[in-house]
């Protein structure tokens, strides 16, 4: 009975350590600067991530920058979101996901407004064994201009095992020169 109690305590400690180690890999920074305006910066995290959000506002401008992330399961999520407003409105978003094996994900979004309105979005996903995914977005607006930019990327490479094109494998698709056949 004593051994069972020690084993249960050791298992609980290992689970706690694994949960803490997963959160320890999240590196998140958020910065906001204001000189006569409103600056908001958010950054999230979770799992294996490196995220940054920066917002700068001057002369009554409004700047907001967001970033989300996710990572988990050995995947990696990296992202940056920047919004700079000088007397205008600059909004930037981010979002990046990743999951298993080599699933890296990258999202970068920048919005700069100089007495104008700039909105920038970005998105990136990656899921499968050798997935990648990257996205960039940039929006600049000057003196009464409106600018919007979007980007999106998705790699769901779940073809495991990777098919050898032209040679049939059990359960994997085969490329016949025009399209994949099961």
C-alpha atoms as a PDB file:
ATOM      1  CA  UNK A   1       0.000   0.000   0.000  1.00  0.00           C
ATOM      2  CA  UNK A   2       2.880   2.332   0.802  1.00  0.00           C
ATOM      3  CA  UNK A   3       4.396   1.714  -2.660  1.00  0.00           C
ATOM      4  CA  UNK A   4       1.038   2.450  -4.281  1.00  0.00           C
ATOM      5  CA  UNK A   5       0.820   5.810  -2.457  1.00  0.00           C
ATOM      6  CA  UNK A   6       4.361   6.718  -3.540  1.00  0.00           C
ATOM      7  CA  UNK A   7       3.572   5.742  -7.128  1.00  0.00           C
ATOM      8  CA  UNK A   8       0.381   7.829  -7.128  1.00  0.00           C
ATOM      9  CA  UNK A   9       2.250  10.833  -5.705  1.00  0.00           C
ATOM     10  CA  UNK A  10       5.022  10.444  -8.273  1.00  0.00           C
ATOM     11  CA  UNK A  11       2.469  10.197 -11.126  1.00  0.00           C
ATOM     12  CA  UNK A  12       0.695  13.356  -9.914  1.00  0.00           C
ATOM     13  CA  UNK A  13       4.027  15.186  -9.720  1.00  0.00           C
ATOM     14  CA  UNK A  14       4.928  14.084 -13.264  1.00  0.00           C
ATOM     15  CA  UNK A  15       1.572  15.283 -14.628  1.00  0.00           C
ATOM     16  CA  UNK A  16       2.001  18.622 -12.872  1.00  0.00           C
ATOM     17  CA  UNK A  17       5.542  18.939 -14.238  1.00  0.00           C
ATOM     18  CA  UNK A  18       4.418  18.157 -17.799  1.00  0.00           C
ATOM     19  CA  UNK A  19       1.646  20.767 -17.620  1.00  0.00           C
ATOM     20  CA  UNK A  20       4.098  23.325 -16.241  1.00  0.00           C
ATOM     21  CA  UNK A  21       6.732  22.452 -18.864  1.00  0.00           C
ATOM     22  CA  UNK A  22       4.227  22.973 -21.674  1.00  0.00           C
ATOM     23  CA  UNK A  23       3.428  26.449 -20.404  1.00  0.00           C
ATOM     24  CA  UNK A  24       7.115  27.200 -19.813  1.00  0.00           C
ATOM     25  CA  UNK A  25       7.758  27.031 -23.562  1.00  0.00           C
ATOM     26  CA  UNK A  26       5.412  29.935 -24.235  1.00  0.00           C
ATOM     27  CA  UNK A  27       7.335  33.180 -24.694  1.00  0.00           C
ATOM     28  CA  UNK A  28       4.943  36.089 -24.988  1.00  0.00           C
ATOM     29  CA  UNK A  29       5.583  39.826 -24.954  1.00  0.00           C
ATOM     30  CA  UNK A  30       3.136  42.682 -25.335  1.00  0.00           C
ATOM     31  CA  UNK A  31       4.032  46.367 -25.399  1.00  0.00           C
ATOM     32  CA  UNK A  32       1.997  49.524 -25.795  1.00  0.00           C
ATOM     33  CA  UNK A  33       3.139  53.150 -25.957  1.00  0.00           C
ATOM     34  CA  UNK A  34       0.982  56.220 -26.015  1.00  0.00           C
ATOM     35  CA  UNK A  35       1.811  59.878 -26.495  1.00  0.00           C
ATOM     36  CA  UNK A  36      -1.585  61.532 -26.645  1.00  0.00           C
ATOM     37  CA  UNK A  37      -3.509  58.573 -28.062  1.00  0.00           C
ATOM     38  CA  UNK A  38      -4.878  55.143 -27.200  1.00  0.00           C
ATOM     39  CA  UNK A  39      -2.625  52.122 -27.618  1.00  0.00           C
ATOM     40  CA  UNK A  40      -3.717  48.572 -26.871  1.00  0.00           C
ATOM     41  CA  UNK A  41      -1.579  45.449 -27.277  1.00  0.00           C
ATOM     42  CA  UNK A  42      -2.559  41.837 -26.621  1.00  0.00           C
ATOM     43  CA  UNK A  43      -0.637  38.635 -27.061  1.00  0.00           C
ATOM     44  CA  UNK A  44      -1.700  35.209 -25.986  1.00  0.00           C
ATOM     45  CA  UNK A  45       0.196  31.933 -26.040  1.00  0.00           C
ATOM     46  CA  UNK A  46      -0.032  28.271 -25.097  1.00  0.00           C
ATOM     47  CA  UNK A  47       2.270  25.391 -25.715  1.00  0.00           C
ATOM     48  CA  UNK A  48       5.399  25.942 -27.748  1.00  0.00           C
ATOM     49  CA  UNK A  49       5.057  29.577 -28.870  1.00  0.00           C
ATOM     50  CA  UNK A  50       6.917  32.855 -29.379  1.00  0.00           C
ATOM     51  CA  UNK A  51       4.520  35.741 -29.713  1.00  0.00           C
ATOM     52  CA  UNK A  52       4.760  39.516 -29.739  1.00  0.00           C
ATOM     53  CA  UNK A  53       2.224  42.323 -29.926  1.00  0.00           C
ATOM     54  CA  UNK A  54       3.136  46.009 -30.052  1.00  0.00           C
ATOM     55  CA  UNK A  55       0.886  49.066 -30.252  1.00  0.00           C
ATOM     56  CA  UNK A  56       2.005  52.701 -30.536  1.00  0.00           C
ATOM     57  CA  UNK A  57      -0.313  55.728 -30.624  1.00  0.00           C
ATOM     58  CA  UNK A  58       0.497  59.422 -31.003  1.00  0.00           C
ATOM     59  CA  UNK A  59      -1.414  62.666 -31.558  1.00  0.00           C
ATOM     60  CA  UNK A  60      -4.838  61.299 -30.630  1.00  0.00           C
ATOM     61  CA  UNK A  61      -4.447  58.134 -32.715  1.00  0.00           C
ATOM     62  CA  UNK A  62      -5.853  54.715 -31.897  1.00  0.00           C
ATOM     63  CA  UNK A  63      -3.633  51.643 -32.231  1.00  0.00           C
ATOM     64  CA  UNK A  64      -4.563  48.078 -31.390  1.00  0.00           C
ATOM     65  CA  UNK A  65      -2.462  44.960 -31.988  1.00  0.00           C
ATOM     66  CA  UNK A  66      -3.508  41.381 -31.267  1.00  0.00           C
ATOM     67  CA  UNK A  67      -1.773  38.036 -31.548  1.00  0.00           C
ATOM     68  CA  UNK A  68      -2.994  34.625 -30.468  1.00  0.00           C
ATOM     69  CA  UNK A  69      -0.732  31.578 -31.072  1.00  0.00           C
ATOM     70  CA  UNK A  70      -1.351  28.010 -29.899  1.00  0.00           C
ATOM     71  CA  UNK A  71       1.506  25.604 -30.683  1.00  0.00           C
ATOM     72  CA  UNK A  72       0.925  22.446 -28.595  1.00  0.00           C
ATOM     73  CA  UNK A  73       1.866  18.823 -29.285  1.00  0.00           C
ATOM     74  CA  UNK A  74       5.417  19.632 -30.314  1.00  0.00           C
ATOM     75  CA  UNK A  75       4.279  21.999 -33.047  1.00  0.00           C
ATOM     76  CA  UNK A  76       5.495  25.567 -32.998  1.00  0.00           C
ATOM     77  CA  UNK A  77       3.589  28.825 -33.350  1.00  0.00           C
ATOM     78  CA  UNK A  78       5.354  32.109 -33.887  1.00  0.00           C
ATOM     79  CA  UNK A  79       3.833  35.466 -34.613  1.00  0.00           C
ATOM     80  CA  UNK A  80       4.090  39.210 -34.389  1.00  0.00           C
ATOM     81  CA  UNK A  81       1.445  41.878 -34.592  1.00  0.00           C
ATOM     82  CA  UNK A  82       2.236  45.597 -34.748  1.00  0.00           C
ATOM     83  CA  UNK A  83      -0.054  48.621 -34.931  1.00  0.00           C
ATOM     84  CA  UNK A  84       1.251  52.194 -35.155  1.00  0.00           C
ATOM     85  CA  UNK A  85      -1.114  55.172 -35.334  1.00  0.00           C
ATOM     86  CA  UNK A  86      -0.182  58.812 -35.641  1.00  0.00           C
ATOM     87  CA  UNK A  87      -3.463  60.707 -35.403  1.00  0.00           C
ATOM     88  CA  UNK A  88      -5.285  57.903 -37.200  1.00  0.00           C
ATOM     89  CA  UNK A  89      -6.520  54.374 -36.612  1.00  0.00           C
ATOM     90  CA  UNK A  90      -4.292  51.331 -36.989  1.00  0.00           C
ATOM     91  CA  UNK A  91      -5.580  47.851 -36.201  1.00  0.00           C
ATOM     92  CA  UNK A  92      -3.519  44.716 -36.610  1.00  0.00           C
ATOM     93  CA  UNK A  93      -4.408  41.123 -35.824  1.00  0.00           C
ATOM     94  CA  UNK A  94      -2.452  37.910 -35.924  1.00  0.00           C
ATOM     95  CA  UNK A  95      -3.465  34.326 -35.081  1.00  0.00           C
ATOM     96  CA  UNK A  96      -1.237  31.353 -35.593  1.00  0.00           C
ATOM     97  CA  UNK A  97      -1.895  27.684 -34.978  1.00  0.00           C
ATOM     98  CA  UNK A  98       0.240  24.568 -35.152  1.00  0.00           C
ATOM     99  CA  UNK A  99      -0.095  20.991 -34.018  1.00  0.00           C
ATOM    100  CA  UNK A 100       1.935  17.827 -34.443  1.00  0.00           C
ATOM    101  CA  UNK A 101       5.452  16.874 -35.509  1.00  0.00           C
ATOM    102  CA  UNK A 102       7.020  19.511 -37.749  1.00  0.00           C
ATOM    103  CA  UNK A 103       3.975  21.752 -37.756  1.00  0.00           C
ATOM    104  CA  UNK A 104       5.422  25.252 -37.669  1.00  0.00           C
ATOM    105  CA  UNK A 105       3.125  28.188 -38.091  1.00  0.00           C
ATOM    106  CA  UNK A 106       3.978  31.826 -38.590  1.00  0.00           C
ATOM    107  CA  UNK A 107       1.770  34.887 -38.830  1.00  0.00           C
ATOM    108  CA  UNK A 108       2.908  38.474 -39.079  1.00  0.00           C
ATOM    109  CA  UNK A 109       0.651  41.483 -39.362  1.00  0.00           C
ATOM    110  CA  UNK A 110       1.480  45.193 -39.448  1.00  0.00           C
ATOM    111  CA  UNK A 111      -0.778  48.252 -39.662  1.00  0.00           C
ATOM    112  CA  UNK A 112       0.578  51.802 -39.875  1.00  0.00           C
ATOM    113  CA  UNK A 113      -1.643  54.852 -40.032  1.00  0.00           C
ATOM    114  CA  UNK A 114      -0.529  58.466 -40.401  1.00  0.00           C
ATOM    115  CA  UNK A 115      -3.795  60.398 -40.037  1.00  0.00           C
ATOM    116  CA  UNK A 116      -5.530  57.613 -41.939  1.00  0.00           C
ATOM    117  CA  UNK A 117      -7.046  54.187 -41.264  1.00  0.00           C
ATOM    118  CA  UNK A 118      -5.075  50.987 -41.707  1.00  0.00           C
ATOM    119  CA  UNK A 119      -6.365  47.514 -40.921  1.00  0.00           C
ATOM    120  CA  UNK A 120      -4.252  44.410 -41.327  1.00  0.00           C
ATOM    121  CA  UNK A 121      -5.177  40.774 -40.753  1.00  0.00           C
ATOM    122  CA  UNK A 122      -3.172  37.599 -40.942  1.00  0.00           C
ATOM    123  CA  UNK A 123      -3.776  33.955 -40.273  1.00  0.00           C
ATOM    124  CA  UNK A 124      -1.756  30.752 -40.378  1.00  0.00           C
ATOM    125  CA  UNK A 125      -2.506  27.124 -39.651  1.00  0.00           C
ATOM    126  CA  UNK A 126      -0.443  23.975 -39.842  1.00  0.00           C
ATOM    127  CA  UNK A 127      -1.440  20.564 -38.636  1.00  0.00           C
ATOM    128  CA  UNK A 128       0.064  17.378 -40.022  1.00  0.00           C
ATOM    129  CA  UNK A 129       3.414  15.619 -39.755  1.00  0.00           C
ATOM    130  CA  UNK A 130       5.481  17.899 -42.045  1.00  0.00           C
ATOM    131  CA  UNK A 131       3.234  20.925 -42.243  1.00  0.00           C
ATOM    132  CA  UNK A 132       4.543  24.467 -42.546  1.00  0.00           C
ATOM    133  CA  UNK A 133       2.264  27.557 -43.088  1.00  0.00           C
ATOM    134  CA  UNK A 134       3.258  31.169 -43.038  1.00  0.00           C
ATOM    135  CA  UNK A 135       1.318  34.395 -43.605  1.00  0.00           C
ATOM    136  CA  UNK A 136       2.177  38.089 -43.808  1.00  0.00           C
ATOM    137  CA  UNK A 137       0.018  41.139 -44.029  1.00  0.00           C
ATOM    138  CA  UNK A 138       0.781  44.851 -44.158  1.00  0.00           C
ATOM    139  CA  UNK A 139      -1.430  47.935 -44.395  1.00  0.00           C
ATOM    140  CA  UNK A 140      -0.286  51.547 -44.633  1.00  0.00           C
ATOM    141  CA  UNK A 141      -2.549  54.609 -44.736  1.00  0.00           C
ATOM    142  CA  UNK A 142      -1.652  58.273 -45.151  1.00  0.00           C
ATOM    143  CA  UNK A 143      -3.773  61.412 -44.635  1.00  0.00           C
ATOM    144  CA  UNK A 144      -7.391  60.305 -44.930  1.00  0.00           C
ATOM    145  CA  UNK A 145      -6.649  57.096 -46.818  1.00  0.00           C
ATOM    146  CA  UNK A 146      -8.151  53.731 -45.954  1.00  0.00           C
ATOM    147  CA  UNK A 147      -6.026  50.623 -46.315  1.00  0.00           C
ATOM    148  CA  UNK A 148      -6.852  46.987 -45.650  1.00  0.00           C
ATOM    149  CA  UNK A 149      -4.703  43.903 -46.085  1.00  0.00           C
ATOM    150  CA  UNK A 150      -5.380  40.217 -45.508  1.00  0.00           C
ATOM    151  CA  UNK A 151      -3.273  37.087 -45.642  1.00  0.00           C
ATOM    152  CA  UNK A 152      -3.994  33.462 -44.908  1.00  0.00           C
ATOM    153  CA  UNK A 153      -2.022  30.227 -45.073  1.00  0.00           C
ATOM    154  CA  UNK A 154      -2.944  26.615 -44.395  1.00  0.00           C
ATOM    155  CA  UNK A 155      -0.892  23.433 -44.534  1.00  0.00           C
ATOM    156  CA  UNK A 156      -2.746  20.338 -43.388  1.00  0.00           C
ATOM    157  CA  UNK A 157      -0.204  17.802 -44.602  1.00  0.00           C
ATOM    158  CA  UNK A 158      -1.677  14.680 -43.113  1.00  0.00           C
ATOM    159  CA  UNK A 159      -0.496  12.386 -45.911  1.00  0.00           C
ATOM    160  CA  UNK A 160       1.210   9.898 -43.655  1.00  0.00           C
ATOM    161  CA  UNK A 161       3.026   7.928 -44.809  1.00  0.00           C
ATOM    162  CA  UNK A 162       4.134  10.355 -47.531  1.00  0.00           C
ATOM    163  CA  UNK A 163       3.243   8.827 -50.921  1.00  0.00           C
ATOM    164  CA  UNK A 164       5.852   7.950 -53.487  1.00  0.00           C
ATOM    165  CA  UNK A 165       4.398   9.380 -56.672  1.00  0.00           C
ATOM    166  CA  UNK A 166       3.770   6.855 -59.426  1.00  0.00           C
ATOM    167  CA  UNK A 167       4.158   3.848 -57.124  1.00  0.00           C
ATOM    168  CA  UNK A 168       1.095   2.463 -55.370  1.00  0.00           C
ATOM    169  CA  UNK A 169       1.211   2.176 -51.586  1.00  0.00           C
ATOM    170  CA  UNK A 170      -1.494   0.787 -49.390  1.00  0.00           C
ATOM    171  CA  UNK A 171      -3.928   3.475 -48.302  1.00  0.00           C
ATOM    172  CA  UNK A 172      -1.889   6.404 -49.679  1.00  0.00           C
ATOM    173  CA  UNK A 173      -2.914   8.429 -52.743  1.00  0.00           C
ATOM    174  CA  UNK A 174      -0.975   7.980 -55.962  1.00  0.00           C
ATOM    175  CA  UNK A 175      -0.323  10.697 -58.508  1.00  0.00           C
ATOM    176  CA  UNK A 176      -1.167   9.495 -62.011  1.00  0.00           C
ATOM    177  CA  UNK A 177      -0.046  12.615 -63.892  1.00  0.00           C
ATOM    178  CA  UNK A 178      -3.252  14.571 -63.605  1.00  0.00           C
ATOM    179  CA  UNK A 179      -4.831  13.924 -60.234  1.00  0.00           C
ATOM    180  CA  UNK A 180      -4.524  11.775 -57.136  1.00  0.00           C
ATOM    181  CA  UNK A 181      -6.230   8.407 -57.138  1.00  0.00           C
ATOM    182  CA  UNK A 182      -6.809   6.248 -54.066  1.00  0.00           C
END
